[in-house]
All heavy atoms as atom14 arrays in JSON, in Angstrom:
{
  "sequence": "NPILTPMVGEGLSVGSVLGQLMVSVLFAFDGWTNVGA",
  "atom14_mask": [
    [1, 1, 1, 1, 1, 1, 1, 1, 0, 0, 0, 0, 0, 0],
    [1, 1, 1, 1, 1, 1, 1, 0, 0, 0, 0, 0, 0, 0],
    [1, 1, 1, 1, 1, 1, 1, 1, 0, 0, 0, 0, 0, 0],
    [1, 1, 1, 1, 1, 1, 1, 1, 0, 0, 0, 0, 0, 0],
    [1, 1, 1, 1, 1, 1, 1, 0, 0, 0, 0, 0, 0, 0],
    [1, 1, 1, 1, 1, 1, 1, 0, 0, 0, 0, 0, 0, 0],
    [1, 1, 1, 1, 1, 1, 1, 1, 0, 0, 0, 0, 0, 0],
    [1, 1, 1, 1, 1, 1, 1, 0, 0, 0, 0, 0, 0, 0],
    [1, 1, 1, 1, 0, 0, 0, 0, 0, 0, 0, 0, 0, 0],
    [1, 1, 1, 1, 1, 1, 1, 1, 1, 0, 0, 0, 0, 0],
    [1, 1, 1, 1, 0, 0, 0, 0, 0, 0, 0, 0, 0, 0],
    [1, 1, 1, 1, 1, 1, 1, 1, 0, 0, 0, 0, 0, 0],
    [1, 1, 1, 1, 1, 1, 0, 0, 0, 0, 0, 0, 0, 0],
    [1, 1, 1, 1, 1, 1, 1, 0, 0, 0, 0, 0, 0, 0],
    [1, 1, 1, 1, 0, 0, 0, 0, 0, 0, 0, 0, 0, 0],
    [1, 1, 1, 1, 1, 1, 0, 0, 0, 0, 0, 0, 0, 0],
    [1, 1, 1, 1, 1, 1, 1, 0, 0, 0, 0, 0, 0, 0],
    [1, 1, 1, 1, 1, 1, 1, 1, 0, 0, 0, 0, 0, 0],
    [1, 1, 1, 1, 0, 0, 0, 0, 0, 0, 0, 0, 0, 0],
    [1, 1, 1, 1, 1, 1, 1, 1, 1, 0, 0, 0, 0, 0],
    [1, 1, 1, 1, 1, 1, 1, 1, 0, 0, 0, 0, 0, 0],
    [1, 1, 1, 1, 1, 1, 1, 1, 0, 0, 0, 0, 0, 0],
    [1, 1, 1, 1, 1, 1, 1, 0, 0, 0, 0, 0, 0, 0],
    [1, 1, 1, 1, 1, 1, 0, 0, 0, 0, 0, 0, 0, 0],
    [1, 1, 1, 1, 1, 1, 1, 0, 0, 0, 0, 0, 0, 0],
    [1, 1, 1, 1, 1, 1, 1, 1, 0, 0, 0, 0, 0, 0],
    [1, 1, 1, 1, 1, 1, 1, 1, 1, 1, 1, 0, 0, 0],
    [1, 1, 1, 1, 1, 0, 0, 0, 0, 0, 0, 0, 0, 0],
    [1, 1, 1, 1, 1, 1, 1, 1, 1, 1, 1, 0, 0, 0],
    [1, 1, 1, 1, 1, 1, 1, 1, 0, 0, 0, 0, 0, 0],
    [1, 1, 1, 1, 0, 0, 0, 0, 0, 0, 0, 0, 0, 0],
    [1, 1, 1, 1, 1, 1, 1, 1, 1, 1, 1, 1, 1, 1],
    [1, 1, 1, 1, 1, 1, 1, 0, 0, 0, 0, 0, 0, 0],
    [1, 1, 1, 1, 1, 1, 1, 1, 0, 0, 0, 0, 0, 0],
    [1, 1, 1, 1, 1, 1, 1, 0, 0, 0, 0, 0, 0, 0],
    [1, 1, 1, 1, 0, 0, 0, 0, 0, 0, 0, 0, 0, 0],
    [1, 1, 1, 1, 1, 0, 0, 0, 0, 0, 0, 0, 0, 0]
  ],
  "atom14_positions": [
    [[-3.84, -9.83, 19.98], [-3.25, -10.38, 18.83], [-3.78, -11.69, 18.37], [-4.2, -12.48, 19.32], [-1.63, -10.43, 18.97], [-1.07, -9.28, 19.39], [-1.35, -8.14, 18.85], [-0.19, -9.2, 20.49], [0.0, 0.0, 0.0], [0.0, 0.0, 0.0], [0.0, 0.0, 0.0], [0.0, 0.0, 0.0], [0.0, 0.0, 0.0], [0.0, 0.0, 0.0]],
    [[-3.88, -12.08, 17.15], [-4.3, -13.31, 16.8], [-3.34, -14.55, 17.26], [-2.16, -14.25, 17.31], [-4.4, -13.24, 15.21], [-3.49, -12.18, 14.9], [-3.5, -11.15, 15.93], [0.0, 0.0, 0.0], [0.0, 0.0, 0.0], [0.0, 0.0, 0.0], [0.0, 0.0, 0.0], [0.0, 0.0, 0.0], [0.0, 0.0, 0.0], [0.0, 0.0, 0.0]],
    [[-3.96, -15.6, 17.58], [-3.26, -16.75, 18.17], [-3.21, -17.96, 17.2], [-2.23, -18.56, 16.98], [-3.81, -17.21, 19.5], [-3.81, -15.95, 20.51], [-3.09, -18.29, 20.03], [-2.37, -15.43, 20.84], [0.0, 0.0, 0.0], [0.0, 0.0, 0.0], [0.0, 0.0, 0.0], [0.0, 0.0, 0.0], [0.0, 0.0, 0.0], [0.0, 0.0, 0.0]],
    [[-4.43, -18.33, 16.68], [-4.48, -19.53, 15.83], [-4.86, -19.33, 14.46], [-4.88, -20.21, 13.76], [-5.46, -20.5, 16.52], [-5.18, -21.12, 17.92], [-6.32, -21.92, 18.46], [-3.8, -21.96, 17.74], [0.0, 0.0, 0.0], [0.0, 0.0, 0.0], [0.0, 0.0, 0.0], [0.0, 0.0, 0.0], [0.0, 0.0, 0.0], [0.0, 0.0, 0.0]],
    [[-5.27, -18.03, 14.05], [-5.49, -17.72, 12.67], [-4.75, -16.49, 12.21], [-4.48, -15.56, 13.06], [-7.05, -17.41, 12.51], [-7.38, -16.47, 13.37], [-7.71, -18.71, 12.72], [0.0, 0.0, 0.0], [0.0, 0.0, 0.0], [0.0, 0.0, 0.0], [0.0, 0.0, 0.0], [0.0, 0.0, 0.0], [0.0, 0.0, 0.0], [0.0, 0.0, 0.0]],
    [[-4.3, -16.4, 10.99], [-4.3, -17.57, 10.03], [-3.2, -18.5, 10.39], [-2.37, -18.27, 11.05], [-4.1, -16.94, 8.63], [-3.27, -15.66, 9.12], [-3.74, -15.17, 10.42], [0.0, 0.0, 0.0], [0.0, 0.0, 0.0], [0.0, 0.0, 0.0], [0.0, 0.0, 0.0], [0.0, 0.0, 0.0], [0.0, 0.0, 0.0], [0.0, 0.0, 0.0]],
    [[-3.45, -19.71, 9.66], [-2.48, -20.8, 9.93], [-1.14, -20.48, 9.26], [-0.03, -20.64, 9.89], [-3.03, -22.1, 9.29], [-4.3, -22.61, 10.05], [-3.69, -23.3, 11.69], [-2.93, -24.87, 11.35], [0.0, 0.0, 0.0], [0.0, 0.0, 0.0], [0.0, 0.0, 0.0], [0.0, 0.0, 0.0], [0.0, 0.0, 0.0], [0.0, 0.0, 0.0]],
    [[-1.11, -20.06, 8.01], [0.1, -19.68, 7.37], [-0.27, -18.36, 6.48], [-1.39, -18.16, 6.24], [0.72, -20.74, 6.48], [1.26, -22.02, 7.26], [-0.34, -21.27, 5.42], [0.0, 0.0, 0.0], [0.0, 0.0, 0.0], [0.0, 0.0, 0.0], [0.0, 0.0, 0.0], [0.0, 0.0, 0.0], [0.0, 0.0, 0.0], [0.0, 0.0, 0.0]],
    [[0.78, -17.75, 6.08], [0.55, -16.66, 5.12], [0.18, -16.94, 3.84], [0.21, -18.07, 3.42], [0.0, 0.0, 0.0], [0.0, 0.0, 0.0], [0.0, 0.0, 0.0], [0.0, 0.0, 0.0], [0.0, 0.0, 0.0], [0.0, 0.0, 0.0], [0.0, 0.0, 0.0], [0.0, 0.0, 0.0], [0.0, 0.0, 0.0], [0.0, 0.0, 0.0]],
    [[-0.34, -16.02, 3.11], [-0.89, -16.19, 1.76], [0.14, -16.85, 0.8], [1.28, -16.39, 0.73], [-1.38, -14.88, 1.17], [-2.2, -15.07, -0.11], [-2.68, -13.71, -0.55], [-2.72, -12.72, 0.2], [-3.23, -13.76, -1.81], [0.0, 0.0, 0.0], [0.0, 0.0, 0.0], [0.0, 0.0, 0.0], [0.0, 0.0, 0.0], [0.0, 0.0, 0.0]],
    [[-0.24, -17.83, 0.11], [0.7, -18.47, -0.92], [1.58, -19.53, -0.47], [2.33, -20.02, -1.14], [0.0, 0.0, 0.0], [0.0, 0.0, 0.0], [0.0, 0.0, 0.0], [0.0, 0.0, 0.0], [0.0, 0.0, 0.0], [0.0, 0.0, 0.0], [0.0, 0.0, 0.0], [0.0, 0.0, 0.0], [0.0, 0.0, 0.0], [0.0, 0.0, 0.0]],
    [[1.57, -19.81, 0.96], [2.36, -20.87, 1.48], [1.59, -22.1, 1.72], [0.48, -22.2, 1.95], [2.98, -20.33, 2.84], [3.82, -19.06, 2.87], [4.1, -18.63, 4.38], [5.15, -19.43, 2.1], [0.0, 0.0, 0.0], [0.0, 0.0, 0.0], [0.0, 0.0, 0.0], [0.0, 0.0, 0.0], [0.0, 0.0, 0.0], [0.0, 0.0, 0.0]],
    [[2.33, -23.37, 1.55], [1.89, -24.65, 1.75], [1.99, -25.14, 3.18], [3.3, -25.03, 3.75], [2.57, -25.53, 0.78], [2.37, -26.94, 1.14], [0.0, 0.0, 0.0], [0.0, 0.0, 0.0], [0.0, 0.0, 0.0], [0.0, 0.0, 0.0], [0.0, 0.0, 0.0], [0.0, 0.0, 0.0], [0.0, 0.0, 0.0], [0.0, 0.0, 0.0]],
    [[0.95, -25.53, 3.77], [1.01, -25.91, 5.2], [2.02, -27.2, 5.35], [2.71, -27.25, 6.29], [-0.45, -26.47, 5.76], [-0.29, -27.09, 6.98], [-1.35, -25.14, 5.87], [0.0, 0.0, 0.0], [0.0, 0.0, 0.0], [0.0, 0.0, 0.0], [0.0, 0.0, 0.0], [0.0, 0.0, 0.0], [0.0, 0.0, 0.0], [0.0, 0.0, 0.0]],
    [[1.99, -28.06, 4.3], [2.84, -29.26, 4.38], [4.28, -28.95, 4.48], [5.04, -29.44, 5.39], [0.0, 0.0, 0.0], [0.0, 0.0, 0.0], [0.0, 0.0, 0.0], [0.0, 0.0, 0.0], [0.0, 0.0, 0.0], [0.0, 0.0, 0.0], [0.0, 0.0, 0.0], [0.0, 0.0, 0.0], [0.0, 0.0, 0.0], [0.0, 0.0, 0.0]],
    [[4.72, -28.17, 3.44], [6.17, -27.79, 3.49], [6.64, -26.85, 4.66], [7.7, -27.0, 5.27], [6.59, -27.14, 2.06], [5.86, -25.9, 2.03], [0.0, 0.0, 0.0], [0.0, 0.0, 0.0], [0.0, 0.0, 0.0], [0.0, 0.0, 0.0], [0.0, 0.0, 0.0], [0.0, 0.0, 0.0], [0.0, 0.0, 0.0], [0.0, 0.0, 0.0]],
    [[5.7, -25.91, 5.09], [5.87, -25.05, 6.23], [6.12, -25.8, 7.44], [7.0, -25.58, 8.29], [4.99, -24.0, 6.26], [5.03, -23.1, 7.57], [5.01, -23.0, 5.16], [0.0, 0.0, 0.0], [0.0, 0.0, 0.0], [0.0, 0.0, 0.0], [0.0, 0.0, 0.0], [0.0, 0.0, 0.0], [0.0, 0.0, 0.0], [0.0, 0.0, 0.0]],
    [[5.26, -26.75, 7.67], [5.26, -27.6, 8.88], [6.57, -28.29, 9.08], [7.04, -28.27, 10.08], [4.16, -28.64, 8.88], [4.02, -29.54, 10.1], [3.92, -28.78, 11.4], [2.86, -30.55, 9.93], [0.0, 0.0, 0.0], [0.0, 0.0, 0.0], [0.0, 0.0, 0.0], [0.0, 0.0, 0.0], [0.0, 0.0, 0.0], [0.0, 0.0, 0.0]],
    [[7.16, -28.82, 7.99], [8.55, -29.5, 8.09], [9.59, -28.5, 8.52], [10.3, -28.86, 9.36], [0.0, 0.0, 0.0], [0.0, 0.0, 0.0], [0.0, 0.0, 0.0], [0.0, 0.0, 0.0], [0.0, 0.0, 0.0], [0.0, 0.0, 0.0], [0.0, 0.0, 0.0], [0.0, 0.0, 0.0], [0.0, 0.0, 0.0], [0.0, 0.0, 0.0]],
    [[9.51, -27.24, 7.87], [10.48, -26.19, 8.43], [10.34, -25.95, 9.93], [11.37, -25.72, 10.67], [10.38, -24.99, 7.7], [10.7, -25.13, 6.14], [10.43, -23.92, 5.32], [10.94, -22.97, 5.59], [9.51, -23.98, 4.43], [0.0, 0.0, 0.0], [0.0, 0.0, 0.0], [0.0, 0.0, 0.0], [0.0, 0.0, 0.0], [0.0, 0.0, 0.0]],
    [[9.03, -25.83, 10.32], [8.81, -25.52, 11.79], [9.23, -26.7, 12.66], [9.75, -26.35, 13.81], [7.35, -25.27, 11.97], [6.57, -24.12, 11.19], [5.19, -23.99, 11.53], [7.36, -22.89, 11.34], [0.0, 0.0, 0.0], [0.0, 0.0, 0.0], [0.0, 0.0, 0.0], [0.0, 0.0, 0.0], [0.0, 0.0, 0.0], [0.0, 0.0, 0.0]],
    [[9.08, -27.91, 12.3], [9.49, -29.06, 13.03], [10.98, -29.02, 13.32], [11.5, -29.28, 14.41], [8.93, -30.35, 12.45], [7.42, -30.5, 12.63], [6.83, -31.83, 11.73], [7.57, -33.27, 12.74], [0.0, 0.0, 0.0], [0.0, 0.0, 0.0], [0.0, 0.0, 0.0], [0.0, 0.0, 0.0], [0.0, 0.0, 0.0], [0.0, 0.0, 0.0]],
    [[11.79, -28.65, 12.33], [13.24, -28.44, 12.41], [13.59, -27.45, 13.45], [14.35, -27.69, 14.21], [13.87, -28.25, 11.02], [15.29, -27.95, 11.19], [13.72, -29.41, 10.15], [0.0, 0.0, 0.0], [0.0, 0.0, 0.0], [0.0, 0.0, 0.0], [0.0, 0.0, 0.0], [0.0, 0.0, 0.0], [0.0, 0.0, 0.0], [0.0, 0.0, 0.0]],
    [[12.82, -26.32, 13.44], [13.18, -25.26, 14.38], [12.76, -25.72, 15.77], [13.59, -25.45, 16.72], [12.4, -23.95, 13.89], [12.78, -23.42, 12.72], [0.0, 0.0, 0.0], [0.0, 0.0, 0.0], [0.0, 0.0, 0.0], [0.0, 0.0, 0.0], [0.0, 0.0, 0.0], [0.0, 0.0, 0.0], [0.0, 0.0, 0.0], [0.0, 0.0, 0.0]],
    [[11.61, -26.24, 15.87], [11.13, -26.66, 17.3], [11.95, -27.85, 17.82], [12.22, -27.8, 19.07], [9.69, -27.06, 17.18], [9.18, -27.59, 18.51], [8.84, -25.78, 16.84], [0.0, 0.0, 0.0], [0.0, 0.0, 0.0], [0.0, 0.0, 0.0], [0.0, 0.0, 0.0], [0.0, 0.0, 0.0], [0.0, 0.0, 0.0], [0.0, 0.0, 0.0]],
    [[12.44, -28.7, 16.88], [13.27, -29.86, 17.45], [14.5, -29.34, 18.02], [15.09, -30.06, 18.9], [13.56, -30.85, 16.31], [12.39, -31.75, 15.82], [12.79, -32.45, 14.47], [12.07, -32.65, 16.91], [0.0, 0.0, 0.0], [0.0, 0.0, 0.0], [0.0, 0.0, 0.0], [0.0, 0.0, 0.0], [0.0, 0.0, 0.0], [0.0, 0.0, 0.0]],
    [[15.1, -28.28, 17.65], [16.24, -27.56, 18.27], [15.95, -27.32, 19.68], [16.75, -27.55, 20.62], [16.57, -26.32, 17.5], [17.7, -25.6, 18.29], [19.0, -25.97, 18.05], [17.37, -24.45, 19.0], [20.12, -25.23, 18.75], [18.44, -23.77, 19.62], [19.77, -24.21, 19.56], [0.0, 0.0, 0.0], [0.0, 0.0, 0.0], [0.0, 0.0, 0.0]],
    [[14.72, -26.87, 19.99], [14.41, -26.48, 21.22], [14.13, -27.75, 22.22], [14.24, -27.79, 23.47], [13.21, -25.61, 21.43], [0.0, 0.0, 0.0], [0.0, 0.0, 0.0], [0.0, 0.0, 0.0], [0.0, 0.0, 0.0], [0.0, 0.0, 0.0], [0.0, 0.0, 0.0], [0.0, 0.0, 0.0], [0.0, 0.0, 0.0], [0.0, 0.0, 0.0]],
    [[13.76, -28.78, 21.56], [13.4, -30.08, 22.13], [14.75, -31.02, 22.33], [14.55, -32.02, 23.11], [12.31, -30.94, 21.51], [10.9, -30.54, 21.9], [10.24, -29.65, 21.19], [10.42, -31.18, 23.02], [8.95, -29.3, 21.6], [9.09, -30.89, 23.36], [8.37, -29.92, 22.7], [0.0, 0.0, 0.0], [0.0, 0.0, 0.0], [0.0, 0.0, 0.0]],
    [[15.83, -30.67, 21.7], [16.94, -31.58, 21.72], [17.39, -31.81, 23.15], [17.41, -30.81, 23.97], [18.12, -30.99, 20.88], [19.02, -31.98, 20.43], [18.78, -32.76, 19.45], [20.02, -32.3, 21.17], [0.0, 0.0, 0.0], [0.0, 0.0, 0.0], [0.0, 0.0, 0.0], [0.0, 0.0, 0.0], [0.0, 0.0, 0.0], [0.0, 0.0, 0.0]],
    [[17.74, -33.09, 23.45], [18.15, -33.47, 24.75], [17.45, -34.62, 25.27], [17.84, -35.27, 26.24], [0.0, 0.0, 0.0], [0.0, 0.0, 0.0], [0.0, 0.0, 0.0], [0.0, 0.0, 0.0], [0.0, 0.0, 0.0], [0.0, 0.0, 0.0], [0.0, 0.0, 0.0], [0.0, 0.0, 0.0], [0.0, 0.0, 0.0], [0.0, 0.0, 0.0]],
    [[16.37, -35.0, 24.67], [15.45, -36.15, 25.06], [16.32, -37.56, 24.95], [15.86, -38.39, 25.52], [14.2, -36.12, 24.43], [14.39, -36.19, 22.96], [14.08, -35.21, 22.02], [14.5, -37.17, 22.06], [14.33, -35.48, 20.77], [14.58, -36.94, 20.74], [14.67, -38.74, 22.32], [14.83, -37.72, 19.72], [14.99, -39.49, 21.25], [14.98, -39.02, 20.04]],
    [[17.34, -37.39, 24.06], [18.19, -38.68, 23.85], [18.9, -39.0, 25.16], [19.33, -40.29, 25.28], [19.06, -38.52, 22.62], [19.89, -37.34, 22.93], [18.33, -38.49, 21.42], [0.0, 0.0, 0.0], [0.0, 0.0, 0.0], [0.0, 0.0, 0.0], [0.0, 0.0, 0.0], [0.0, 0.0, 0.0], [0.0, 0.0, 0.0], [0.0, 0.0, 0.0]],
    [[19.12, -38.08, 26.14], [19.62, -38.48, 27.37], [18.78, -39.28, 28.37], [19.29, -39.68, 29.28], [19.96, -37.16, 28.11], [20.96, -36.3, 27.21], [21.93, -36.79, 26.8], [20.84, -34.97, 27.34], [0.0, 0.0, 0.0], [0.0, 0.0, 0.0], [0.0, 0.0, 0.0], [0.0, 0.0, 0.0], [0.0, 0.0, 0.0], [0.0, 0.0, 0.0]],
    [[17.54, -39.55, 27.83], [16.63, -40.23, 28.69], [17.17, -41.66, 29.1], [16.97, -42.05, 30.33], [15.26, -40.36, 28.05], [15.2, -41.33, 26.89], [14.31, -40.92, 29.12], [0.0, 0.0, 0.0], [0.0, 0.0, 0.0], [0.0, 0.0, 0.0], [0.0, 0.0, 0.0], [0.0, 0.0, 0.0], [0.0, 0.0, 0.0], [0.0, 0.0, 0.0]],
    [[17.93, -42.38, 28.17], [18.27, -43.7, 28.49], [19.48, -43.69, 29.47], [19.62, -44.7, 30.25], [0.0, 0.0, 0.0], [0.0, 0.0, 0.0], [0.0, 0.0, 0.0], [0.0, 0.0, 0.0], [0.0, 0.0, 0.0], [0.0, 0.0, 0.0], [0.0, 0.0, 0.0], [0.0, 0.0, 0.0], [0.0, 0.0, 0.0], [0.0, 0.0, 0.0]],
    [[20.11, -42.55, 29.61], [21.2, -42.43, 30.58], [20.85, -42.62, 32.17], [21.63, -43.09, 32.8], [22.03, -41.18, 30.4], [0.0, 0.0, 0.0], [0.0, 0.0, 0.0], [0.0, 0.0, 0.0], [0.0, 0.0, 0.0], [0.0, 0.0, 0.0], [0.0, 0.0, 0.0], [0.0, 0.0, 0.0], [0.0, 0.0, 0.0], [0.0, 0.0, 0.0]]
  ]
}
């Protein structure tokens, strides 16, 4: 299966899609704020 291509589907903007992806991925990363504890 393709891994790095294509970047996004036809007609989609990389800039706006990346923002949506970051929100999704940030859910998986949540918890780093505990580092100060």
